[in-house]
């Protein structure tokens, strides 16, 4: 609150005291109107500030691409390792192995999609 606004509030209170209780409603309405205008100004300023879109710097863009590439590389390494463990196991039949491989890669795809959406 600026000093001018404080002075206006003090003037409203002083006017109320001088005018008496018959003018309470008029003084209060004027005060509420000034406060409402100040709130509107502040909200408008915040909305304008939030709606401004600043372009991404090249360093941030590079980091995002690099982190996406890192996630892809890690996913491929773990996916390949998990697939080789499932296929290399002689205790299960080929249908079960195929289902496990599909589940592994579906989970990896889901993780990568969630990661990409949240970035």
PDB file of N, CA and C in Angstrom:
ATOM      1  N   UNK A   1       0.848  -1.162   0.000  1.00  0.00           N
ATOM      2  CA  UNK A   1       0.000   0.000   0.000  1.00  0.00           C
ATOM      3  C   UNK A   1       0.898   1.230   0.000  1.00  0.00           C
ATOM      4  N   UNK A   2       0.586   2.146  -0.898  1.00  0.00           N
ATOM      5  CA  UNK A   2       1.396   3.364  -1.025  1.00  0.00           C
ATOM      6  C   UNK A   2       0.976   4.393   0.023  1.00  0.00           C
ATOM      7  N   UNK A   3       1.825   5.368   0.278  1.00  0.00           N
ATOM      8  CA  UNK A   3       1.455   6.427   1.233  1.00  0.00           C
ATOM      9  C   UNK A   3       0.197   7.189   0.802  1.00  0.00           C
ATOM     10  N   UNK A   4       0.019   7.374  -0.513  1.00  0.00           N
ATOM     11  CA  UNK A   4      -1.184   8.066  -0.991  1.00  0.00           C
ATOM     12  C   UNK A   4      -2.445   7.285  -0.643  1.00  0.00           C
ATOM     13  N   UNK A   5      -2.368   5.975  -0.787  1.00  0.00           N
ATOM     14  CA  UNK A   5      -3.530   5.137  -0.462  1.00  0.00           C
ATOM     15  C   UNK A   5      -3.829   5.193   1.038  1.00  0.00           C
ATOM     16  N   UNK A   6      -2.786   5.186   1.832  1.00  0.00           N
ATOM     17  CA  UNK A   6      -2.978   5.296   3.287  1.00  0.00           C
ATOM     18  C   UNK A   6      -3.612   6.642   3.651  1.00  0.00           C
ATOM     19  N   UNK A   7      -3.159   7.690   2.964  1.00  0.00           N
ATOM     20  CA  UNK A   7      -3.731   9.015   3.204  1.00  0.00           C
ATOM     21  C   UNK A   7      -5.214   9.049   2.827  1.00  0.00           C
ATOM     22  N   UNK A   8      -5.558   8.374   1.730  1.00  0.00           N
ATOM     23  CA  UNK A   8      -6.965   8.337   1.315  1.00  0.00           C
ATOM     24  C   UNK A   8      -7.827   7.624   2.355  1.00  0.00           C
ATOM     25  N   UNK A   9      -7.310   6.519   2.885  1.00  0.00           N
ATOM     26  CA  UNK A   9      -8.056   5.785   3.916  1.00  0.00           C
ATOM     27  C   UNK A   9      -8.193   6.647   5.164  1.00  0.00           C
ATOM     28  N   UNK A  10      -7.116   7.300   5.541  1.00  0.00           N
ATOM     29  CA  UNK A  10      -7.172   8.175   6.719  1.00  0.00           C
ATOM     30  C   UNK A  10      -8.146   9.325   6.490  1.00  0.00           C
ATOM     31  N   UNK A  11      -8.162   9.859   5.277  1.00  0.00           N
ATOM     32  CA  UNK A  11      -9.105  10.942   4.966  1.00  0.00           C
ATOM     33  C   UNK A  11     -10.543  10.449   5.028  1.00  0.00           C
ATOM     34  N   UNK A  12     -10.772   9.216   4.573  1.00  0.00           N
ATOM     35  CA  UNK A  12     -12.126   8.648   4.635  1.00  0.00           C
ATOM     36  C   UNK A  12     -12.580   8.480   6.082  1.00  0.00           C
ATOM     37  N   UNK A  13     -11.676   8.008   6.919  1.00  0.00           N
ATOM     38  CA  UNK A  13     -12.009   7.833   8.338  1.00  0.00           C
ATOM     39  C   UNK A  13     -12.265   9.194   8.983  1.00  0.00           C
ATOM     40  N   UNK A  14     -11.442  10.193   8.647  1.00  0.00           N
ATOM     41  CA  UNK A  14     -11.627  11.531   9.207  1.00  0.00           C
ATOM     42  C   UNK A  14     -12.945  12.141   8.725  1.00  0.00           C
ATOM     43  N   UNK A  15     -13.275  11.917   7.448  1.00  0.00           N
ATOM     44  CA  UNK A  15     -14.534  12.449   6.916  1.00  0.00           C
ATOM     45  C   UNK A  15     -15.716  11.797   7.613  1.00  0.00           C
ATOM     46  N   UNK A  16     -15.611  10.524   7.881  1.00  0.00           N
ATOM     47  CA  UNK A  16     -16.685   9.819   8.577  1.00  0.00           C
ATOM     48  C   UNK A  16     -16.889  10.400   9.963  1.00  0.00           C
ATOM     49  N   UNK A  17     -15.774  10.679  10.644  1.00  0.00           N
ATOM     50  CA  UNK A  17     -15.873  11.236  11.995  1.00  0.00           C
ATOM     51  C   UNK A  17     -16.478  12.640  11.970  1.00  0.00           C
ATOM     52  N   UNK A  18     -16.106  13.427  10.944  1.00  0.00           N
ATOM     53  CA  UNK A  18     -16.632  14.788  10.857  1.00  0.00           C
ATOM     54  C   UNK A  18     -18.097  14.820  10.435  1.00  0.00           C
ATOM     55  N   UNK A  19     -18.459  13.935   9.496  1.00  0.00           N
ATOM     56  CA  UNK A  19     -19.823  13.954   8.964  1.00  0.00           C
ATOM     57  C   UNK A  19     -20.826  13.289   9.903  1.00  0.00           C
ATOM     58  N   UNK A  20     -20.348  12.357  10.679  1.00  0.00           N
ATOM     59  CA  UNK A  20     -21.244  11.694  11.614  1.00  0.00           C
ATOM     60  C   UNK A  20     -21.809  10.407  11.037  1.00  0.00           C
ATOM     61  N   UNK A  21     -22.626   9.723  11.843  1.00  0.00           N
ATOM     62  CA  UNK A  21     -23.126   8.400  11.459  1.00  0.00           C
ATOM     63  C   UNK A  21     -24.097   8.429  10.275  1.00  0.00           C
ATOM     64  N   UNK A  22     -24.661   9.584   9.951  1.00  0.00           N
ATOM     65  CA  UNK A  22     -25.608   9.655   8.833  1.00  0.00           C
ATOM     66  C   UNK A  22     -24.921   9.390   7.491  1.00  0.00           C
ATOM     67  N   UNK A  23     -23.631   9.621   7.419  1.00  0.00           N
ATOM     68  CA  UNK A  23     -22.901   9.472   6.159  1.00  0.00           C
ATOM     69  C   UNK A  23     -22.006   8.230   6.140  1.00  0.00           C
ATOM     70  N   UNK A  24     -22.170   7.341   7.103  1.00  0.00           N
ATOM     71  CA  UNK A  24     -21.343   6.129   7.174  1.00  0.00           C
ATOM     72  C   UNK A  24     -21.412   5.322   5.882  1.00  0.00           C
ATOM     73  N   UNK A  25     -22.609   5.141   5.393  1.00  0.00           N
ATOM     74  CA  UNK A  25     -22.795   4.298   4.205  1.00  0.00           C
ATOM     75  C   UNK A  25     -22.085   4.908   2.995  1.00  0.00           C
ATOM     76  N   UNK A  26     -22.205   6.201   2.780  1.00  0.00           N
ATOM     77  CA  UNK A  26     -21.575   6.856   1.631  1.00  0.00           C
ATOM     78  C   UNK A  26     -20.056   6.793   1.735  1.00  0.00           C
ATOM     79  N   UNK A  27     -19.522   7.032   2.921  1.00  0.00           N
ATOM     80  CA  UNK A  27     -18.070   6.979   3.110  1.00  0.00           C
ATOM     81  C   UNK A  27     -17.561   5.556   2.897  1.00  0.00           C
ATOM     82  N   UNK A  28     -18.286   4.586   3.425  1.00  0.00           N
ATOM     83  CA  UNK A  28     -17.882   3.183   3.274  1.00  0.00           C
ATOM     84  C   UNK A  28     -17.922   2.756   1.812  1.00  0.00           C
ATOM     85  N   UNK A  29     -18.956   3.170   1.072  1.00  0.00           N
ATOM     86  CA  UNK A  29     -19.047   2.813  -0.345  1.00  0.00           C
ATOM     87  C   UNK A  29     -17.884   3.398  -1.140  1.00  0.00           C
ATOM     88  N   UNK A  30     -17.523   4.637  -0.845  1.00  0.00           N
ATOM     89  CA  UNK A  30     -16.387   5.254  -1.527  1.00  0.00           C
ATOM     90  C   UNK A  30     -15.086   4.529  -1.237  1.00  0.00           C
ATOM     91  N   UNK A  31     -14.915   4.137  -0.009  1.00  0.00           N
ATOM     92  CA  UNK A  31     -13.712   3.409   0.387  1.00  0.00           C
ATOM     93  C   UNK A  31     -13.661   2.037  -0.282  1.00  0.00           C
ATOM     94  N   UNK A  32     -14.780   1.342  -0.288  1.00  0.00           N
ATOM     95  CA  UNK A  32     -14.840   0.020  -0.919  1.00  0.00           C
ATOM     96  C   UNK A  32     -14.552   0.139  -2.416  1.00  0.00           C
ATOM     97  N   UNK A  33     -15.061   1.193  -3.046  1.00  0.00           N
ATOM     98  CA  UNK A  33     -14.827   1.388  -4.473  1.00  0.00           C
ATOM     99  C   UNK A  33     -13.340   1.605  -4.763  1.00  0.00           C
ATOM    100  N   UNK A  34     -12.672   2.404  -3.957  1.00  0.00           N
ATOM    101  CA  UNK A  34     -11.237   2.642  -4.157  1.00  0.00           C
ATOM    102  C   UNK A  34     -10.427   1.372  -3.911  1.00  0.00           C
ATOM    103  N   UNK A  35     -10.804   0.616  -2.901  1.00  0.00           N
ATOM    104  CA  UNK A  35     -10.095  -0.641  -2.619  1.00  0.00           C
ATOM    105  C   UNK A  35     -10.312  -1.620  -3.771  1.00  0.00           C
ATOM    106  N   UNK A  36     -11.548  -1.680  -4.283  1.00  0.00           N
ATOM    107  CA  UNK A  36     -11.846  -2.567  -5.416  1.00  0.00           C
ATOM    108  C   UNK A  36     -11.037  -2.207  -6.651  1.00  0.00           C
ATOM    109  N   UNK A  37     -10.891  -0.921  -6.920  1.00  0.00           N
ATOM    110  CA  UNK A  37     -10.087  -0.481  -8.058  1.00  0.00           C
ATOM    111  C   UNK A  37      -8.634  -0.894  -7.888  1.00  0.00           C
ATOM    112  N   UNK A  38      -8.114  -0.775  -6.685  1.00  0.00           N
ATOM    113  CA  UNK A  38      -6.720  -1.165  -6.432  1.00  0.00           C
ATOM    114  C   UNK A  38      -6.541  -2.669  -6.622  1.00  0.00           C
ATOM    115  N   UNK A  39      -7.498  -3.447  -6.161  1.00  0.00           N
ATOM    116  CA  UNK A  39      -7.430  -4.906  -6.341  1.00  0.00           C
ATOM    117  C   UNK A  39      -7.462  -5.241  -7.827  1.00  0.00           C
ATOM    118  N   UNK A  40      -8.344  -4.582  -8.575  1.00  0.00           N
ATOM    119  CA  UNK A  40      -8.425  -4.819 -10.020  1.00  0.00           C
ATOM    120  C   UNK A  40      -7.100  -4.514 -10.710  1.00  0.00           C
ATOM    121  N   UNK A  41      -6.457  -3.413 -10.327  1.00  0.00           N
ATOM    122  CA  UNK A  41      -5.170  -3.059 -10.917  1.00  0.00           C
ATOM    123  C   UNK A  41      -4.125  -4.132 -10.644  1.00  0.00           C
ATOM    124  N   UNK A  42      -4.097  -4.612  -9.409  1.00  0.00           N
ATOM    125  CA  UNK A  42      -3.102  -5.641  -9.046  1.00  0.00           C
ATOM    126  C   UNK A  42      -3.357  -6.948  -9.778  1.00  0.00           C
ATOM    127  N   UNK A  43      -4.620  -7.347  -9.882  1.00  0.00           N
ATOM    128  CA  UNK A  43      -4.953  -8.589 -10.590  1.00  0.00           C
ATOM    129  C   UNK A  43      -4.594  -8.457 -12.066  1.00  0.00           C
ATOM    130  N   UNK A  44      -4.928  -7.325 -12.675  1.00  0.00           N
ATOM    131  CA  UNK A  44      -4.586  -7.111 -14.083  1.00  0.00           C
ATOM    132  C   UNK A  44      -3.077  -7.182 -14.306  1.00  0.00           C
ATOM    133  N   UNK A  45      -2.315  -6.597 -13.404  1.00  0.00           N
ATOM    134  CA  UNK A  45      -0.855  -6.628 -13.535  1.00  0.00           C
ATOM    135  C   UNK A  45      -0.333  -8.057 -13.429  1.00  0.00           C
ATOM    136  N   UNK A  46      -0.885  -8.827 -12.528  1.00  0.00           N
ATOM    137  CA  UNK A  46      -0.438 -10.226 -12.387  1.00  0.00           C
ATOM    138  C   UNK A  46      -0.827 -11.058 -13.592  1.00  0.00           C
ATOM    139  N   UNK A  47      -2.006 -10.832 -14.132  1.00  0.00           N
ATOM    140  CA  UNK A  47      -2.437 -11.577 -15.324  1.00  0.00           C
ATOM    141  C   UNK A  47      -1.539 -11.231 -16.506  1.00  0.00           C
ATOM    142  N   UNK A  48      -1.231  -9.955 -16.676  1.00  0.00           N
ATOM    143  CA  UNK A  48      -0.328  -9.557 -17.765  1.00  0.00           C
ATOM    144  C   UNK A  48       1.046 -10.192 -17.593  1.00  0.00           C
ATOM    145  N   UNK A  49       1.550 -10.202 -16.376  1.00  0.00           N
ATOM    146  CA  UNK A  49       2.873 -10.783 -16.123  1.00  0.00           C
ATOM    147  C   UNK A  49       2.869 -12.284 -16.381  1.00  0.00           C
ATOM    148  N   UNK A  50       1.785 -12.952 -16.034  1.00  0.00           N
ATOM    149  CA  UNK A  50       1.716 -14.404 -16.230  1.00  0.00           C
ATOM    150  C   UNK A  50       1.530 -14.763 -17.700  1.00  0.00           C
ATOM    151  N   UNK A  51       0.898 -13.880 -18.467  1.00  0.00           N
ATOM    152  CA  UNK A  51       0.623 -14.212 -19.863  1.00  0.00           C
ATOM    153  C   UNK A  51       1.798 -13.927 -20.787  1.00  0.00           C
ATOM    154  N   UNK A  52       2.789 -13.187 -20.297  1.00  0.00           N
ATOM    155  CA  UNK A  52       3.961 -12.925 -21.129  1.00  0.00           C
ATOM    156  C   UNK A  52       4.745 -14.211 -21.291  1.00  0.00           C
ATOM    157  N   UNK A  53       5.043 -14.533 -22.533  1.00  0.00           N
ATOM    158  CA  UNK A  53       5.802 -15.754 -22.804  1.00  0.00           C
ATOM    159  C   UNK A  53       7.213 -15.357 -23.224  1.00  0.00           C
ATOM    160  N   UNK A  54       8.165 -15.763 -22.427  1.00  0.00           N
ATOM    161  CA  UNK A  54       9.544 -15.473 -22.782  1.00  0.00           C
ATOM    162  C   UNK A  54      10.124 -16.679 -23.509  1.00  0.00           C
ATOM    163  N   UNK A  55      10.804 -16.450 -24.619  1.00  0.00           N
ATOM    164  CA  UNK A  55      11.373 -17.572 -25.358  1.00  0.00           C
ATOM    165  C   UNK A  55      12.446 -18.279 -24.536  1.00  0.00           C
ATOM    166  N   UNK A  56      12.550 -19.560 -24.782  1.00  0.00           N
ATOM    167  CA  UNK A  56      13.503 -20.386 -24.048  1.00  0.00           C
ATOM    168  C   UNK A  56      14.919 -20.089 -24.531  1.00  0.00           C
ATOM    169  N   UNK A  57      15.838 -19.991 -23.607  1.00  0.00           N
ATOM    170  CA  UNK A  57      17.224 -19.731 -23.985  1.00  0.00           C
ATOM    171  C   UNK A  57      17.823 -20.985 -24.615  1.00  0.00           C
ATOM    172  N   UNK A  58      18.835 -20.830 -25.480  1.00  0.00           N
ATOM    173  CA  UNK A  58      19.450 -21.992 -26.126  1.00  0.00           C
ATOM    174  C   UNK A  58      20.037 -22.980 -25.122  1.00  0.00           C
ATOM    175  N   UNK A  59      20.561 -22.486 -23.995  1.00  0.00           N
ATOM    176  CA  UNK A  59      21.146 -23.391 -22.999  1.00  0.00           C
ATOM    177  C   UNK A  59      20.082 -24.282 -22.386  1.00  0.00           C
ATOM    178  N   UNK A  60      18.896 -23.720 -22.095  1.00  0.00           N
ATOM    179  CA  UNK A  60      17.807 -24.510 -21.521  1.00  0.00           C
ATOM    180  C   UNK A  60      17.307 -25.515 -22.547  1.00  0.00           C
ATOM    181  N   UNK A  61      17.186 -25.071 -23.805  1.00  0.00           N
ATOM    182  CA  UNK A  61      16.729 -25.967 -24.867  1.00  0.00           C
ATOM    183  C   UNK A  61      17.703 -27.138 -25.029  1.00  0.00           C
ATOM    184  N   UNK A  62      19.004 -26.858 -24.995  1.00  0.00           N
ATOM    185  CA  UNK A  62      20.012 -27.914 -25.118  1.00  0.00           C
ATOM    186  C   UNK A  62      19.898 -28.902 -23.961  1.00  0.00           C
ATOM    187  N   UNK A  63      19.730 -28.387 -22.733  1.00  0.00           N
ATOM    188  CA  UNK A  63      19.612 -29.269 -21.573  1.00  0.00           C
ATOM    189  C   UNK A  63      18.389 -30.165 -21.687  1.00  0.00           C
ATOM    190  N   UNK A  64      17.286 -29.619 -22.183  1.00  0.00           N
ATOM    191  CA  UNK A  64      16.079 -30.434 -22.337  1.00  0.00           C
ATOM    192  C   UNK A  64      16.296 -31.538 -23.357  1.00  0.00           C
ATOM    193  N   UNK A  65      16.919 -31.204 -24.477  1.00  0.00           N
ATOM    194  CA  UNK A  65      17.185 -32.228 -25.484  1.00  0.00           C
ATOM    195  C   UNK A  65      18.136 -33.280 -24.941  1.00  0.00           C
ATOM    196  N   UNK A  66      19.161 -32.832 -24.211  1.00  0.00           N
ATOM    197  CA  UNK A  66      20.147 -33.770 -23.671  1.00  0.00           C
ATOM    198  C   UNK A  66      19.510 -34.689 -22.633  1.00  0.00           C
ATOM    199  N   UNK A  67      18.621 -34.138 -21.782  1.00  0.00           N
ATOM    200  CA  UNK A  67      17.989 -34.995 -20.781  1.00  0.00           C
ATOM    201  C   UNK A  67      17.029 -35.980 -21.443  1.00  0.00           C
ATOM    202  N   UNK A  68      16.375 -35.569 -22.518  1.00  0.00           N
ATOM    203  CA  UNK A  68      15.499 -36.483 -23.258  1.00  0.00           C
ATOM    204  C   UNK A  68      16.299 -37.599 -23.905  1.00  0.00           C
ATOM    205  N   UNK A  69      17.451 -37.251 -24.459  1.00  0.00           N
ATOM    206  CA  UNK A  69      18.314 -38.258 -25.069  1.00  0.00           C
ATOM    207  C   UNK A  69      18.836 -39.223 -24.011  1.00  0.00           C
ATOM    208  N   UNK A  70      19.188 -38.689 -22.846  1.00  0.00           N
ATOM    209  CA  UNK A  70      19.668 -39.544 -21.750  1.00  0.00           C
ATOM    210  C   UNK A  70      18.591 -40.529 -21.304  1.00  0.00           C
ATOM    211  N   UNK A  71      17.354 -40.046 -21.195  1.00  0.00           N
ATOM    212  CA  UNK A  71      16.251 -40.924 -20.802  1.00  0.00           C
ATOM    213  C   UNK A  71      16.042 -42.014 -21.854  1.00  0.00           C
ATOM    214  N   UNK A  72      16.129 -41.648 -23.121  1.00  0.00           N
ATOM    215  CA  UNK A  72      15.984 -42.621 -24.200  1.00  0.00           C
ATOM    216  C   UNK A  72      17.083 -43.669 -24.135  1.00  0.00           C
ATOM    217  N   UNK A  73      18.305 -43.219 -23.933  1.00  0.00           N
ATOM    218  CA  UNK A  73      19.432 -44.150 -23.879  1.00  0.00           C
ATOM    219  C   UNK A  73      19.307 -45.113 -22.695  1.00  0.00           C
ATOM    220  N   UNK A  74      18.956 -44.588 -21.530  1.00  0.00           N
ATOM    221  CA  UNK A  74      18.781 -45.444 -20.350  1.00  0.00           C
ATOM    222  C   UNK A  74      17.654 -46.442 -20.572  1.00  0.00           C
ATOM    223  N   UNK A  75      16.562 -45.998 -21.180  1.00  0.00           N
ATOM    224  CA  UNK A  75      15.435 -46.885 -21.451  1.00  0.00           C
ATOM    225  C   UNK A  75      15.843 -48.017 -22.386  1.00  0.00           C
ATOM    226  N   UNK A  76      16.584 -47.681 -23.425  1.00  0.00           N
ATOM    227  CA  UNK A  76      17.027 -48.715 -24.364  1.00  0.00           C
ATOM    228  C   UNK A  76      17.965 -49.721 -23.693  1.00  0.00           C
ATOM    229  N   UNK A  77      18.858 -49.238 -22.861  1.00  0.00           N
ATOM    230  CA  UNK A  77      19.791 -50.144 -22.175  1.00  0.00           C
ATOM    231  C   UNK A  77      19.035 -51.096 -21.257  1.00  0.00           C
ATOM    232  N   UNK A  78      18.156 -50.535 -20.409  1.00  0.00           N
ATOM    233  CA  UNK A  78      17.408 -51.404 -19.499  1.00  0.00           C
ATOM    234  C   UNK A  78      16.437 -52.311 -20.243  1.00  0.00           C
ATOM    235  N   UNK A  79      15.818 -51.797 -21.283  1.00  0.00           N
ATOM    236  CA  UNK A  79      14.881 -52.617 -22.065  1.00  0.00           C
ATOM    237  C   UNK A  79      15.578 -53.776 -22.739  1.00  0.00           C
ATOM    238  N   UNK A  80      16.741 -53.498 -23.308  1.00  0.00           N
ATOM    239  CA  UNK A  80      17.507 -54.561 -23.963  1.00  0.00           C
ATOM    240  C   UNK A  80      17.982 -55.591 -22.939  1.00  0.00           C
ATOM    241  N   UNK A  81      18.444 -55.126 -21.806  1.00  0.00           N
ATOM    242  CA  UNK A  81      18.881 -56.051 -20.753  1.00  0.00           C
ATOM    243  C   UNK A  81      17.748 -56.915 -20.234  1.00  0.00           C
ATOM    244  N   UNK A  82      16.600 -56.296 -19.970  1.00  0.00           N
ATOM    245  CA  UNK A  82      15.455 -57.064 -19.472  1.00  0.00           C
ATOM    246  C   UNK A  82      14.967 -58.053 -20.525  1.00  0.00           C
ATOM    247  N   UNK A  83      14.974 -57.655 -21.788  1.00  0.00           N
ATOM    248  CA  UNK A  83      14.556 -58.557 -22.870  1.00  0.00           C
ATOM    249  C   UNK A  83      15.508 -59.737 -22.974  1.00  0.00           C
ATOM    250  N   UNK A  84      16.789 -59.482 -22.869  1.00  0.00           N
ATOM    251  CA  UNK A  84      17.748 -60.587 -22.981  1.00  0.00           C
ATOM    252  C   UNK A  84      17.636 -61.546 -21.796  1.00  0.00           C
ATOM    253  N   UNK A  85      17.307 -61.031 -20.607  1.00  0.00           N
ATOM    254  CA  UNK A  85      17.112 -61.914 -19.447  1.00  0.00           C
ATOM    255  C   UNK A  85      15.896 -62.805 -19.663  1.00  0.00           C
ATOM    256  N   UNK A  86      14.806 -62.227 -20.162  1.00  0.00           N
ATOM    257  CA  UNK A  86      13.580 -62.998 -20.370  1.00  0.00           C
ATOM    258  C   UNK A  86      13.781 -64.026 -21.480  1.00  0.00           C
ATOM    259  N   UNK A  87      14.390 -63.632 -22.571  1.00  0.00           N
ATOM    260  CA  UNK A  87      14.568 -64.559 -23.698  1.00  0.00           C
ATOM    261  C   UNK A  87      15.620 -65.609 -23.371  1.00  0.00           C
ATOM    262  N   UNK A  88      16.624 -65.237 -22.604  1.00  0.00           N
ATOM    263  CA  UNK A  88      17.685 -66.180 -22.259  1.00  0.00           C
ATOM    264  C   UNK A  88      17.259 -67.234 -21.244  1.00  0.00           C
ATOM    265  N   UNK A  89      16.125 -67.043 -20.615  1.00  0.00           N
ATOM    266  CA  UNK A  89      15.640 -67.993 -19.626  1.00  0.00           C
ATOM    267  C   UNK A  89      15.032 -69.199 -20.340  1.00  0.00           C
ATOM    268  N   UNK A  90      15.532 -70.402 -20.053  1.00  0.00           N
ATOM    269  CA  UNK A  90      15.053 -71.620 -20.710  1.00  0.00           C
ATOM    270  C   UNK A  90      13.867 -72.234 -19.984  1.00  0.00           C
ATOM    271  N   UNK A  91      13.518 -71.729 -18.820  1.00  0.00           N
ATOM    272  CA  UNK A  91      12.476 -72.344 -18.018  1.00  0.00           C
ATOM    273  C   UNK A  91      11.068 -71.988 -18.477  1.00  0.00           C
ATOM    274  N   UNK A  92      10.892 -70.962 -19.276  1.00  0.00           N
ATOM    275  CA  UNK A  92       9.550 -70.557 -19.690  1.00  0.00           C
ATOM    276  C   UNK A  92       9.335 -70.871 -21.156  1.00  0.00           C
ATOM    277  N   UNK A  93       8.066 -70.966 -21.540  1.00  0.00           N
ATOM    278  CA  UNK A  93       7.782 -71.239 -22.952  1.00  0.00           C
ATOM    279  C   UNK A  93       7.835 -69.947 -23.754  1.00  0.00           C
ATOM    280  N   UNK A  94       7.819 -70.071 -25.070  1.00  0.00           N
ATOM    281  CA  UNK A  94       8.016 -68.911 -25.933  1.00  0.00           C
ATOM    282  C   UNK A  94       6.842 -67.931 -25.864  1.00  0.00           C
ATOM    283  N   UNK A  95       5.625 -68.388 -25.621  1.00  0.00           N
ATOM    284  CA  UNK A  95       4.470 -67.488 -25.515  1.00  0.00           C
ATOM    285  C   UNK A  95       4.610 -66.594 -24.273  1.00  0.00           C
ATOM    286  N   UNK A  96       5.030 -67.193 -23.183  1.00  0.00           N
ATOM    287  CA  UNK A  96       5.221 -66.413 -21.960  1.00  0.00           C
ATOM    288  C   UNK A  96       6.362 -65.410 -22.139  1.00  0.00           C
ATOM    289  N   UNK A  97       7.412 -65.827 -22.840  1.00  0.00           N
ATOM    290  CA  UNK A  97       8.523 -64.913 -23.103  1.00  0.00           C
ATOM    291  C   UNK A  97       8.061 -63.724 -23.954  1.00  0.00           C
ATOM    292  N   UNK A  98       7.256 -64.018 -24.964  1.00  0.00           N
ATOM    293  CA  UNK A  98       6.766 -62.945 -25.839  1.00  0.00           C
ATOM    294  C   UNK A  98       5.900 -61.959 -25.050  1.00  0.00           C
ATOM    295  N   UNK A  99       5.052 -62.468 -24.172  1.00  0.00           N
ATOM    296  CA  UNK A  99       4.208 -61.605 -23.357  1.00  0.00           C
ATOM    297  C   UNK A  99       5.064 -60.743 -22.432  1.00  0.00           C
ATOM    298  N   UNK A 100       6.071 -61.347 -21.826  1.00  0.00           N
ATOM    299  CA  UNK A 100       6.949 -60.593 -20.929  1.00  0.00           C
ATOM    300  C   UNK A 100       7.709 -59.495 -21.681  1.00  0.00           C
ATOM    301  N   UNK A 101       8.195 -59.811 -22.875  1.00  0.00           N
ATOM    302  CA  UNK A 101       8.913 -58.815 -23.671  1.00  0.00           C
ATOM    303  C   UNK A 101       7.976 -57.660 -24.029  1.00  0.00           C
ATOM    304  N   UNK A 102       6.742 -57.980 -24.425  1.00  0.00           N
ATOM    305  CA  UNK A 102       5.768 -56.933 -24.742  1.00  0.00           C
ATOM    306  C   UNK A 102       5.469 -56.076 -23.511  1.00  0.00           C
ATOM    307  N   UNK A 103       5.324 -56.695 -22.354  1.00  0.00           N
ATOM    308  CA  UNK A 103       5.075 -55.934 -21.130  1.00  0.00           C
ATOM    309  C   UNK A 103       6.252 -55.016 -20.774  1.00  0.00           C
ATOM    310  N   UNK A 104       7.448 -55.529 -20.931  1.00  0.00           N
ATOM    311  CA  UNK A 104       8.644 -54.736 -20.642  1.00  0.00           C
ATOM    312  C   UNK A 104       8.679 -53.491 -21.519  1.00  0.00           C
ATOM    313  N   UNK A 105       8.499 -53.679 -22.825  1.00  0.00           N
ATOM    314  CA  UNK A 105       8.592 -52.542 -23.744  1.00  0.00           C
ATOM    315  C   UNK A 105       7.385 -51.609 -23.621  1.00  0.00           C
ATOM    316  N   UNK A 106       6.215 -52.138 -23.250  1.00  0.00           N
ATOM    317  CA  UNK A 106       5.055 -51.275 -23.012  1.00  0.00           C
ATOM    318  C   UNK A 106       5.292 -50.393 -21.784  1.00  0.00           C
ATOM    319  N   UNK A 107       5.883 -50.969 -20.746  1.00  0.00           N
ATOM    320  CA  UNK A 107       6.195 -50.184 -19.548  1.00  0.00           C
ATOM    321  C   UNK A 107       7.237 -49.115 -19.852  1.00  0.00           C
ATOM    322  N   UNK A 108       8.244 -49.460 -20.629  1.00  0.00           N
ATOM    323  CA  UNK A 108       9.268 -48.484 -21.006  1.00  0.00           C
ATOM    324  C   UNK A 108       8.658 -47.368 -21.848  1.00  0.00           C
ATOM    325  N   UNK A 109       7.782 -47.723 -22.782  1.00  0.00           N
ATOM    326  CA  UNK A 109       7.110 -46.700 -23.602  1.00  0.00           C
ATOM    327  C   UNK A 109       6.261 -45.784 -22.723  1.00  0.00           C
ATOM    328  N   UNK A 110       5.533 -46.355 -21.779  1.00  0.00           N
ATOM    329  CA  UNK A 110       4.690 -45.545 -20.890  1.00  0.00           C
ATOM    330  C   UNK A 110       5.541 -44.587 -20.049  1.00  0.00           C
ATOM    331  N   UNK A 111       6.649 -45.069 -19.527  1.00  0.00           N
ATOM    332  CA  UNK A 111       7.540 -44.223 -18.727  1.00  0.00           C
ATOM    333  C   UNK A 111       8.083 -43.073 -19.571  1.00  0.00           C
ATOM    334  N   UNK A 112       8.493 -43.371 -20.809  1.00  0.00           N
ATOM    335  CA  UNK A 112       9.024 -42.321 -21.684  1.00  0.00           C
ATOM    336  C   UNK A 112       7.954 -41.308 -22.079  1.00  0.00           C
ATOM    337  N   UNK A 113       6.740 -41.763 -22.286  1.00  0.00           N
ATOM    338  CA  UNK A 113       5.653 -40.848 -22.635  1.00  0.00           C
ATOM    339  C   UNK A 113       5.357 -39.920 -21.458  1.00  0.00           C
ATOM    340  N   UNK A 114       5.256 -40.468 -20.270  1.00  0.00           N
ATOM    341  CA  UNK A 114       5.006 -39.645 -19.076  1.00  0.00           C
ATOM    342  C   UNK A 114       6.131 -38.644 -18.881  1.00  0.00           C
ATOM    343  N   UNK A 115       7.368 -39.095 -19.067  1.00  0.00           N
ATOM    344  CA  UNK A 115       8.523 -38.199 -18.925  1.00  0.00           C
ATOM    345  C   UNK A 115       8.453 -37.057 -19.935  1.00  0.00           C
ATOM    346  N   UNK A 116       8.118 -37.379 -21.184  1.00  0.00           N
ATOM    347  CA  UNK A 116       8.056 -36.351 -22.230  1.00  0.00           C
ATOM    348  C   UNK A 116       6.920 -35.357 -21.974  1.00  0.00           C
ATOM    349  N   UNK A 117       5.802 -35.829 -21.490  1.00  0.00           N
ATOM    350  CA  UNK A 117       4.663 -34.937 -21.231  1.00  0.00           C
ATOM    351  C   UNK A 117       4.959 -34.011 -20.066  1.00  0.00           C
ATOM    352  N   UNK A 118       5.609 -34.486 -19.045  1.00  0.00           N
ATOM    353  CA  UNK A 118       5.902 -33.663 -17.861  1.00  0.00           C
ATOM    354  C   UNK A 118       7.012 -32.664 -18.081  1.00  0.00           C
ATOM    355  N   UNK A 119       7.835 -32.864 -19.105  1.00  0.00           N
ATOM    356  CA  UNK A 119       8.917 -31.909 -19.369  1.00  0.00           C
ATOM    357  C   UNK A 119       8.319 -30.725 -19.940  1.00  0.00           C
TER     358      UNK A 119
END
